[in-house]
N, C-alpha and C. Protein backbone atom coordinates (compact mmCIF):
# COMPACT_ATOMS: atom_id res chain seq x y z
N MET A 1 123.29 95.58 91.63
CA MET A 1 121.90 95.57 91.25
C MET A 1 121.30 94.23 91.65
N THR A 2 120.16 94.28 92.32
CA THR A 2 119.43 93.08 92.72
C THR A 2 118.13 93.04 91.94
N GLU A 3 117.72 91.85 91.55
CA GLU A 3 116.45 91.68 90.86
C GLU A 3 115.61 90.69 91.64
N THR A 4 114.30 90.95 91.71
CA THR A 4 113.38 90.02 92.34
C THR A 4 112.07 90.04 91.59
N THR A 5 111.37 88.92 91.61
CA THR A 5 110.04 88.83 91.05
C THR A 5 109.13 88.28 92.13
N LEU A 6 108.07 89.03 92.41
CA LEU A 6 107.14 88.66 93.47
C LEU A 6 105.79 88.27 92.87
N SER A 7 105.18 87.25 93.41
CA SER A 7 103.84 86.85 93.02
C SER A 7 102.84 87.69 93.80
N VAL A 8 101.88 88.28 93.06
CA VAL A 8 100.83 89.08 93.70
C VAL A 8 99.51 88.63 93.06
N PRO A 9 98.86 87.60 93.63
CA PRO A 9 97.68 87.00 93.00
C PRO A 9 96.50 87.95 92.77
N GLU A 10 96.43 89.04 93.50
CA GLU A 10 95.29 89.95 93.37
C GLU A 10 95.40 90.91 92.19
N ILE A 11 96.51 90.90 91.46
CA ILE A 11 96.65 91.75 90.28
C ILE A 11 95.70 91.23 89.21
N HIS A 12 94.87 92.13 88.66
CA HIS A 12 93.95 91.68 87.62
C HIS A 12 93.63 92.75 86.56
N CYS A 13 94.18 93.96 86.68
CA CYS A 13 93.81 95.00 85.71
C CYS A 13 94.90 96.07 85.61
N ASP A 14 94.71 96.99 84.68
CA ASP A 14 95.67 98.07 84.49
C ASP A 14 95.75 99.00 85.70
N HIS A 15 94.64 99.16 86.42
CA HIS A 15 94.69 99.99 87.64
C HIS A 15 95.66 99.37 88.64
N CYS A 16 95.59 98.06 88.80
CA CYS A 16 96.51 97.36 89.71
C CYS A 16 97.95 97.61 89.26
N LYS A 17 98.18 97.46 87.96
CA LYS A 17 99.51 97.64 87.38
C LYS A 17 100.07 99.02 87.70
N HIS A 18 99.28 100.06 87.41
CA HIS A 18 99.75 101.44 87.61
C HIS A 18 99.93 101.77 89.10
N SER A 19 99.04 101.27 89.93
CA SER A 19 99.13 101.52 91.37
C SER A 19 100.41 100.93 91.95
N ILE A 20 100.68 99.68 91.62
CA ILE A 20 101.85 99.00 92.16
C ILE A 20 103.14 99.58 91.57
N GLU A 21 103.18 99.76 90.25
CA GLU A 21 104.38 100.31 89.63
C GLU A 21 104.71 101.70 90.17
N GLY A 22 103.69 102.51 90.41
CA GLY A 22 103.92 103.84 90.95
C GLY A 22 104.48 103.80 92.36
N ALA A 23 103.89 102.96 93.21
CA ALA A 23 104.33 102.88 94.60
C ALA A 23 105.73 102.30 94.72
N VAL A 24 105.99 101.21 94.01
CA VAL A 24 107.30 100.57 94.09
C VAL A 24 108.36 101.42 93.39
N GLY A 25 108.00 101.99 92.25
CA GLY A 25 108.94 102.82 91.50
C GLY A 25 109.37 104.06 92.25
N ALA A 26 108.56 104.52 93.20
CA ALA A 26 108.89 105.72 93.97
C ALA A 26 109.87 105.45 95.11
N LEU A 27 110.15 104.19 95.40
CA LEU A 27 111.07 103.86 96.50
C LEU A 27 112.50 104.22 96.12
N ASP A 28 113.23 104.79 97.07
CA ASP A 28 114.64 105.08 96.86
C ASP A 28 115.39 103.78 96.57
N GLY A 29 116.18 103.78 95.51
CA GLY A 29 116.97 102.62 95.15
C GLY A 29 116.36 101.75 94.08
N VAL A 30 115.06 101.92 93.80
CA VAL A 30 114.41 101.12 92.77
C VAL A 30 114.69 101.75 91.41
N THR A 31 115.25 100.95 90.50
CA THR A 31 115.55 101.45 89.16
C THR A 31 114.48 101.07 88.16
N SER A 32 113.76 99.97 88.41
CA SER A 32 112.63 99.62 87.55
C SER A 32 111.66 98.72 88.30
N ALA A 33 110.39 98.90 87.98
CA ALA A 33 109.32 98.07 88.54
C ALA A 33 108.33 97.80 87.42
N ALA A 34 108.09 96.53 87.14
CA ALA A 34 107.20 96.15 86.05
C ALA A 34 106.22 95.10 86.52
N VAL A 35 104.94 95.37 86.31
CA VAL A 35 103.88 94.44 86.66
C VAL A 35 103.45 93.69 85.41
N ASP A 36 103.36 92.37 85.52
CA ASP A 36 102.81 91.54 84.46
C ASP A 36 101.42 91.11 84.92
N VAL A 37 100.39 91.74 84.34
CA VAL A 37 99.01 91.48 84.77
C VAL A 37 98.64 90.02 84.51
N GLU A 38 99.02 89.50 83.36
CA GLU A 38 98.67 88.13 82.99
C GLU A 38 99.29 87.11 83.94
N GLN A 39 100.57 87.31 84.28
CA GLN A 39 101.27 86.38 85.17
C GLN A 39 101.04 86.70 86.65
N ARG A 40 100.49 87.91 86.91
CA ARG A 40 100.25 88.38 88.29
C ARG A 40 101.55 88.42 89.10
N THR A 41 102.56 89.05 88.48
CA THR A 41 103.85 89.20 89.13
C THR A 41 104.34 90.64 89.05
N VAL A 42 105.27 90.96 89.96
CA VAL A 42 105.94 92.26 89.96
C VAL A 42 107.43 91.98 89.91
N SER A 43 108.09 92.48 88.88
CA SER A 43 109.53 92.33 88.74
C SER A 43 110.19 93.67 89.06
N VAL A 44 111.19 93.63 89.93
CA VAL A 44 111.82 94.85 90.40
C VAL A 44 113.34 94.72 90.33
N GLU A 45 113.98 95.78 89.85
CA GLU A 45 115.43 95.91 89.92
C GLU A 45 115.72 97.02 90.91
N PHE A 46 116.65 96.76 91.84
CA PHE A 46 116.91 97.75 92.89
C PHE A 46 118.30 97.62 93.47
N ASP A 47 118.71 98.68 94.12
CA ASP A 47 119.92 98.75 94.92
C ASP A 47 119.53 99.30 96.29
N ALA A 48 120.46 99.28 97.23
CA ALA A 48 120.22 99.89 98.54
C ALA A 48 119.91 101.37 98.33
N PRO A 49 119.02 101.94 99.09
CA PRO A 49 118.47 101.45 100.34
C PRO A 49 117.20 100.60 100.18
N ALA A 50 116.75 100.33 98.95
CA ALA A 50 115.56 99.50 98.76
C ALA A 50 115.85 98.07 99.20
N SER A 51 114.79 97.37 99.62
CA SER A 51 114.93 95.98 100.04
C SER A 51 113.66 95.23 99.64
N VAL A 52 113.74 93.92 99.61
CA VAL A 52 112.56 93.12 99.29
C VAL A 52 111.45 93.41 100.29
N ASP A 53 111.78 93.50 101.57
CA ASP A 53 110.77 93.79 102.59
C ASP A 53 110.10 95.14 102.33
N GLY A 54 110.89 96.14 101.97
CA GLY A 54 110.34 97.46 101.67
C GLY A 54 109.45 97.44 100.44
N ILE A 55 109.83 96.66 99.44
CA ILE A 55 109.02 96.53 98.22
C ILE A 55 107.70 95.86 98.55
N ILE A 56 107.75 94.79 99.32
CA ILE A 56 106.52 94.11 99.73
C ILE A 56 105.63 95.06 100.51
N GLU A 57 106.20 95.82 101.41
CA GLU A 57 105.43 96.79 102.19
C GLU A 57 104.74 97.81 101.28
N ALA A 58 105.45 98.30 100.27
CA ALA A 58 104.87 99.28 99.35
C ALA A 58 103.69 98.67 98.58
N ILE A 59 103.82 97.41 98.18
CA ILE A 59 102.73 96.73 97.47
C ILE A 59 101.54 96.54 98.41
N GLU A 60 101.80 96.09 99.62
CA GLU A 60 100.72 95.87 100.59
C GLU A 60 100.06 97.18 100.99
N ASP A 61 100.81 98.28 101.02
CA ASP A 61 100.22 99.59 101.32
C ASP A 61 99.22 100.01 100.25
N GLN A 62 99.34 99.44 99.04
CA GLN A 62 98.39 99.73 97.97
C GLN A 62 97.16 98.83 98.05
N GLY A 63 97.15 97.90 99.02
CA GLY A 63 95.98 97.04 99.22
C GLY A 63 96.08 95.66 98.62
N TYR A 64 97.28 95.25 98.21
CA TYR A 64 97.48 93.94 97.60
C TYR A 64 98.28 93.04 98.53
N GLU A 65 97.84 91.81 98.68
CA GLU A 65 98.55 90.88 99.54
C GLU A 65 99.68 90.23 98.77
N VAL A 66 100.83 90.12 99.40
CA VAL A 66 101.98 89.42 98.82
C VAL A 66 102.20 88.18 99.67
N PRO A 67 101.80 87.00 99.15
CA PRO A 67 101.99 85.78 99.93
C PRO A 67 103.48 85.49 100.16
N ALA A 68 103.77 84.67 101.15
CA ALA A 68 105.16 84.29 101.41
C ALA A 68 105.75 83.73 100.13
N GLN A 69 106.93 84.22 99.80
CA GLN A 69 107.57 83.85 98.53
C GLN A 69 108.38 82.62 98.67
């Protein structure tokens, strides 16, 4: 199991939370995805075939920029 926390500065509301959690949570290998609106972070637990790059891509596909970590 791998865990990562990504900063996503554009998170600001429950819509952002649900959009990101839904997209990331749907990826194969992701066991949990939790958005902290106040901290503007996304915490993810995953195994293969999921990857940090794939998680970032899923977040960016929802319209949120993930700055270099």
